[in-house]
Amino acid sequence: MGEIINLRQARKQKARIEKERQAGENRVLFGRSKAERERDRLTSEKTENFVAGHRREKPDDPGKR
């Protein structure tokens, strides 16, 4: 004979597990400290300035045309 389960409780348990999984993903994506965000911002700015400084031609102004 199979195990008898309460479907309402099973649904709630499944929802709790899914909610915890989503929370874990959010902690990875958005759970960075201010110092980490600042470091990443400075790194991207430094990279952009390096690339912009080595361009042969300046990008066209969109309003000039």
N, C-alpha and C. Protein backbone atom coordinates (compact mmCIF):
# COMPACT_ATOMS: atom_id res chain seq x y z
N MET A 1 0.83 -1.18 0.00
CA MET A 1 0.00 0.00 0.00
C MET A 1 0.89 1.26 0.00
N GLY A 2 0.49 2.27 -0.73
CA GLY A 2 1.28 3.49 -0.83
C GLY A 2 1.11 4.40 0.38
N GLU A 3 2.01 5.33 0.46
CA GLU A 3 1.96 6.30 1.58
C GLU A 3 0.89 7.35 1.29
N ILE A 4 0.10 7.66 2.28
CA ILE A 4 -0.96 8.66 2.13
C ILE A 4 -0.36 10.03 2.44
N ILE A 5 -0.56 10.96 1.52
CA ILE A 5 -0.05 12.31 1.72
C ILE A 5 -1.18 13.31 1.61
N ASN A 6 -1.04 14.41 2.29
CA ASN A 6 -2.00 15.50 2.22
C ASN A 6 -1.54 16.42 1.09
N LEU A 7 -2.34 16.56 0.05
CA LEU A 7 -1.94 17.35 -1.12
C LEU A 7 -1.74 18.82 -0.78
N ARG A 8 -2.52 19.35 0.13
CA ARG A 8 -2.37 20.75 0.53
C ARG A 8 -0.99 20.97 1.16
N GLN A 9 -0.59 20.07 2.05
CA GLN A 9 0.71 20.19 2.69
C GLN A 9 1.84 19.98 1.69
N ALA A 10 1.66 19.07 0.76
CA ALA A 10 2.68 18.83 -0.26
C ALA A 10 2.86 20.06 -1.14
N ARG A 11 1.75 20.71 -1.51
CA ARG A 11 1.81 21.92 -2.33
C ARG A 11 2.54 23.03 -1.59
N LYS A 12 2.23 23.20 -0.30
CA LYS A 12 2.88 24.24 0.49
C LYS A 12 4.38 23.96 0.63
N GLN A 13 4.75 22.70 0.84
CA GLN A 13 6.16 22.35 0.96
C GLN A 13 6.90 22.63 -0.34
N LYS A 14 6.28 22.31 -1.46
CA LYS A 14 6.89 22.57 -2.77
C LYS A 14 7.08 24.08 -2.96
N ALA A 15 6.09 24.88 -2.55
CA ALA A 15 6.19 26.33 -2.68
C ALA A 15 7.31 26.87 -1.79
N ARG A 16 7.47 26.31 -0.59
CA ARG A 16 8.55 26.76 0.30
C ARG A 16 9.92 26.46 -0.30
N ILE A 17 10.05 25.28 -0.86
CA ILE A 17 11.33 24.90 -1.48
C ILE A 17 11.65 25.82 -2.66
N GLU A 18 10.65 26.11 -3.50
CA GLU A 18 10.85 27.00 -4.64
C GLU A 18 11.21 28.41 -4.19
N LYS A 19 10.54 28.88 -3.13
CA LYS A 19 10.82 30.22 -2.61
C LYS A 19 12.25 30.30 -2.07
N GLU A 20 12.71 29.27 -1.39
CA GLU A 20 14.08 29.25 -0.87
C GLU A 20 15.10 29.20 -2.00
N ARG A 21 14.79 28.44 -3.06
CA ARG A 21 15.69 28.39 -4.22
C ARG A 21 15.81 29.78 -4.86
N GLN A 22 14.68 30.46 -5.02
CA GLN A 22 14.68 31.81 -5.60
C GLN A 22 15.45 32.78 -4.72
N ALA A 23 15.28 32.65 -3.41
CA ALA A 23 16.01 33.53 -2.48
C ALA A 23 17.51 33.31 -2.60
N GLY A 24 17.92 32.07 -2.78
CA GLY A 24 19.34 31.77 -2.96
C GLY A 24 19.89 32.41 -4.22
N GLU A 25 19.13 32.33 -5.30
CA GLU A 25 19.57 32.98 -6.55
C GLU A 25 19.68 34.49 -6.37
N ASN A 26 18.71 35.09 -5.68
CA ASN A 26 18.73 36.54 -5.46
C ASN A 26 19.91 36.94 -4.59
N ARG A 27 20.26 36.12 -3.60
CA ARG A 27 21.42 36.44 -2.76
C ARG A 27 22.69 36.48 -3.59
N VAL A 28 22.79 35.56 -4.55
CA VAL A 28 23.97 35.54 -5.42
C VAL A 28 23.98 36.76 -6.34
N LEU A 29 22.83 37.09 -6.93
CA LEU A 29 22.78 38.18 -7.90
C LEU A 29 22.87 39.56 -7.26
N PHE A 30 22.15 39.77 -6.16
CA PHE A 30 22.02 41.12 -5.63
C PHE A 30 22.70 41.31 -4.27
N GLY A 31 23.22 40.27 -3.70
CA GLY A 31 23.78 40.37 -2.35
C GLY A 31 25.23 40.77 -2.32
N ARG A 32 25.55 41.88 -2.94
CA ARG A 32 26.94 42.34 -2.95
C ARG A 32 27.07 43.55 -2.03
N SER A 33 28.23 43.69 -1.44
CA SER A 33 28.46 44.82 -0.54
C SER A 33 28.71 46.09 -1.36
N LYS A 34 28.66 47.21 -0.68
CA LYS A 34 28.89 48.49 -1.34
C LYS A 34 30.30 48.54 -1.92
N ALA A 35 31.26 47.99 -1.19
CA ALA A 35 32.65 47.99 -1.66
C ALA A 35 32.79 47.16 -2.94
N GLU A 36 32.11 46.03 -3.01
CA GLU A 36 32.17 45.21 -4.22
C GLU A 36 31.55 45.92 -5.41
N ARG A 37 30.41 46.58 -5.20
CA ARG A 37 29.77 47.33 -6.29
C ARG A 37 30.68 48.47 -6.75
N GLU A 38 31.28 49.18 -5.81
CA GLU A 38 32.18 50.29 -6.16
C GLU A 38 33.39 49.79 -6.93
N ARG A 39 33.97 48.66 -6.50
CA ARG A 39 35.13 48.08 -7.18
C ARG A 39 34.77 47.72 -8.61
N ASP A 40 33.61 47.09 -8.81
CA ASP A 40 33.19 46.71 -10.16
C ASP A 40 32.93 47.94 -11.03
N ARG A 41 32.34 48.98 -10.44
CA ARG A 41 32.08 50.21 -11.19
C ARG A 41 33.38 50.85 -11.63
N LEU A 42 34.36 50.93 -10.73
CA LEU A 42 35.65 51.54 -11.07
C LEU A 42 36.38 50.72 -12.13
N THR A 43 36.31 49.41 -12.04
CA THR A 43 36.95 48.55 -13.03
C THR A 43 36.35 48.76 -14.41
N SER A 44 35.02 48.83 -14.47
CA SER A 44 34.38 49.02 -15.77
C SER A 44 34.68 50.41 -16.34
N GLU A 45 34.71 51.44 -15.48
CA GLU A 45 35.06 52.79 -15.95
C GLU A 45 36.49 52.82 -16.48
N LYS A 46 37.41 52.18 -15.77
CA LYS A 46 38.81 52.16 -16.18
C LYS A 46 38.96 51.47 -17.54
N THR A 47 38.24 50.37 -17.71
CA THR A 47 38.29 49.64 -18.98
C THR A 47 37.72 50.49 -20.11
N GLU A 48 36.59 51.14 -19.86
CA GLU A 48 35.96 51.98 -20.88
C GLU A 48 36.87 53.15 -21.26
N ASN A 49 37.49 53.78 -20.28
CA ASN A 49 38.40 54.90 -20.57
C ASN A 49 39.62 54.43 -21.35
N PHE A 50 40.12 53.24 -21.05
CA PHE A 50 41.27 52.70 -21.77
C PHE A 50 40.92 52.48 -23.24
N VAL A 51 39.76 51.88 -23.48
CA VAL A 51 39.34 51.62 -24.86
C VAL A 51 39.07 52.94 -25.58
N ALA A 52 38.40 53.88 -24.93
CA ALA A 52 38.09 55.16 -25.56
C ALA A 52 39.36 55.94 -25.88
N GLY A 53 40.38 55.82 -25.05
CA GLY A 53 41.62 56.54 -25.29
C GLY A 53 42.43 55.98 -26.44
N HIS A 54 42.15 54.77 -26.86
CA HIS A 54 42.91 54.15 -27.93
C HIS A 54 42.15 54.07 -29.25
N ARG A 55 41.05 54.78 -29.33
CA ARG A 55 40.30 54.82 -30.59
C ARG A 55 41.02 55.73 -31.57
N ARG A 56 40.97 55.36 -32.84
CA ARG A 56 41.60 56.19 -33.86
C ARG A 56 40.75 57.40 -34.20
N GLU A 57 39.44 57.20 -34.23
CA GLU A 57 38.52 58.29 -34.56
C GLU A 57 37.52 58.45 -33.43
N LYS A 58 37.08 59.66 -33.24
CA LYS A 58 36.05 59.92 -32.25
C LYS A 58 34.71 59.43 -32.77
N PRO A 59 33.86 58.91 -31.92
CA PRO A 59 32.52 58.51 -32.40
C PRO A 59 31.73 59.74 -32.84
N ASP A 60 30.93 59.55 -33.89
CA ASP A 60 30.13 60.67 -34.41
C ASP A 60 29.10 61.09 -33.39
N ASP A 61 28.81 62.40 -33.38
CA ASP A 61 27.75 62.90 -32.52
C ASP A 61 26.42 62.55 -33.18
N PRO A 62 25.46 62.01 -32.42
CA PRO A 62 24.17 61.67 -33.03
C PRO A 62 23.39 62.91 -33.49
N GLY A 63 23.63 64.07 -32.90
CA GLY A 63 22.91 65.28 -33.27
C GLY A 63 23.48 65.99 -34.49
N LYS A 64 24.68 65.63 -34.93
CA LYS A 64 25.34 66.30 -36.04
C LYS A 64 24.71 65.98 -37.40
N ARG A 65 24.17 64.83 -37.57
CA ARG A 65 23.68 64.40 -38.89
C ARG A 65 22.48 65.12 -39.28
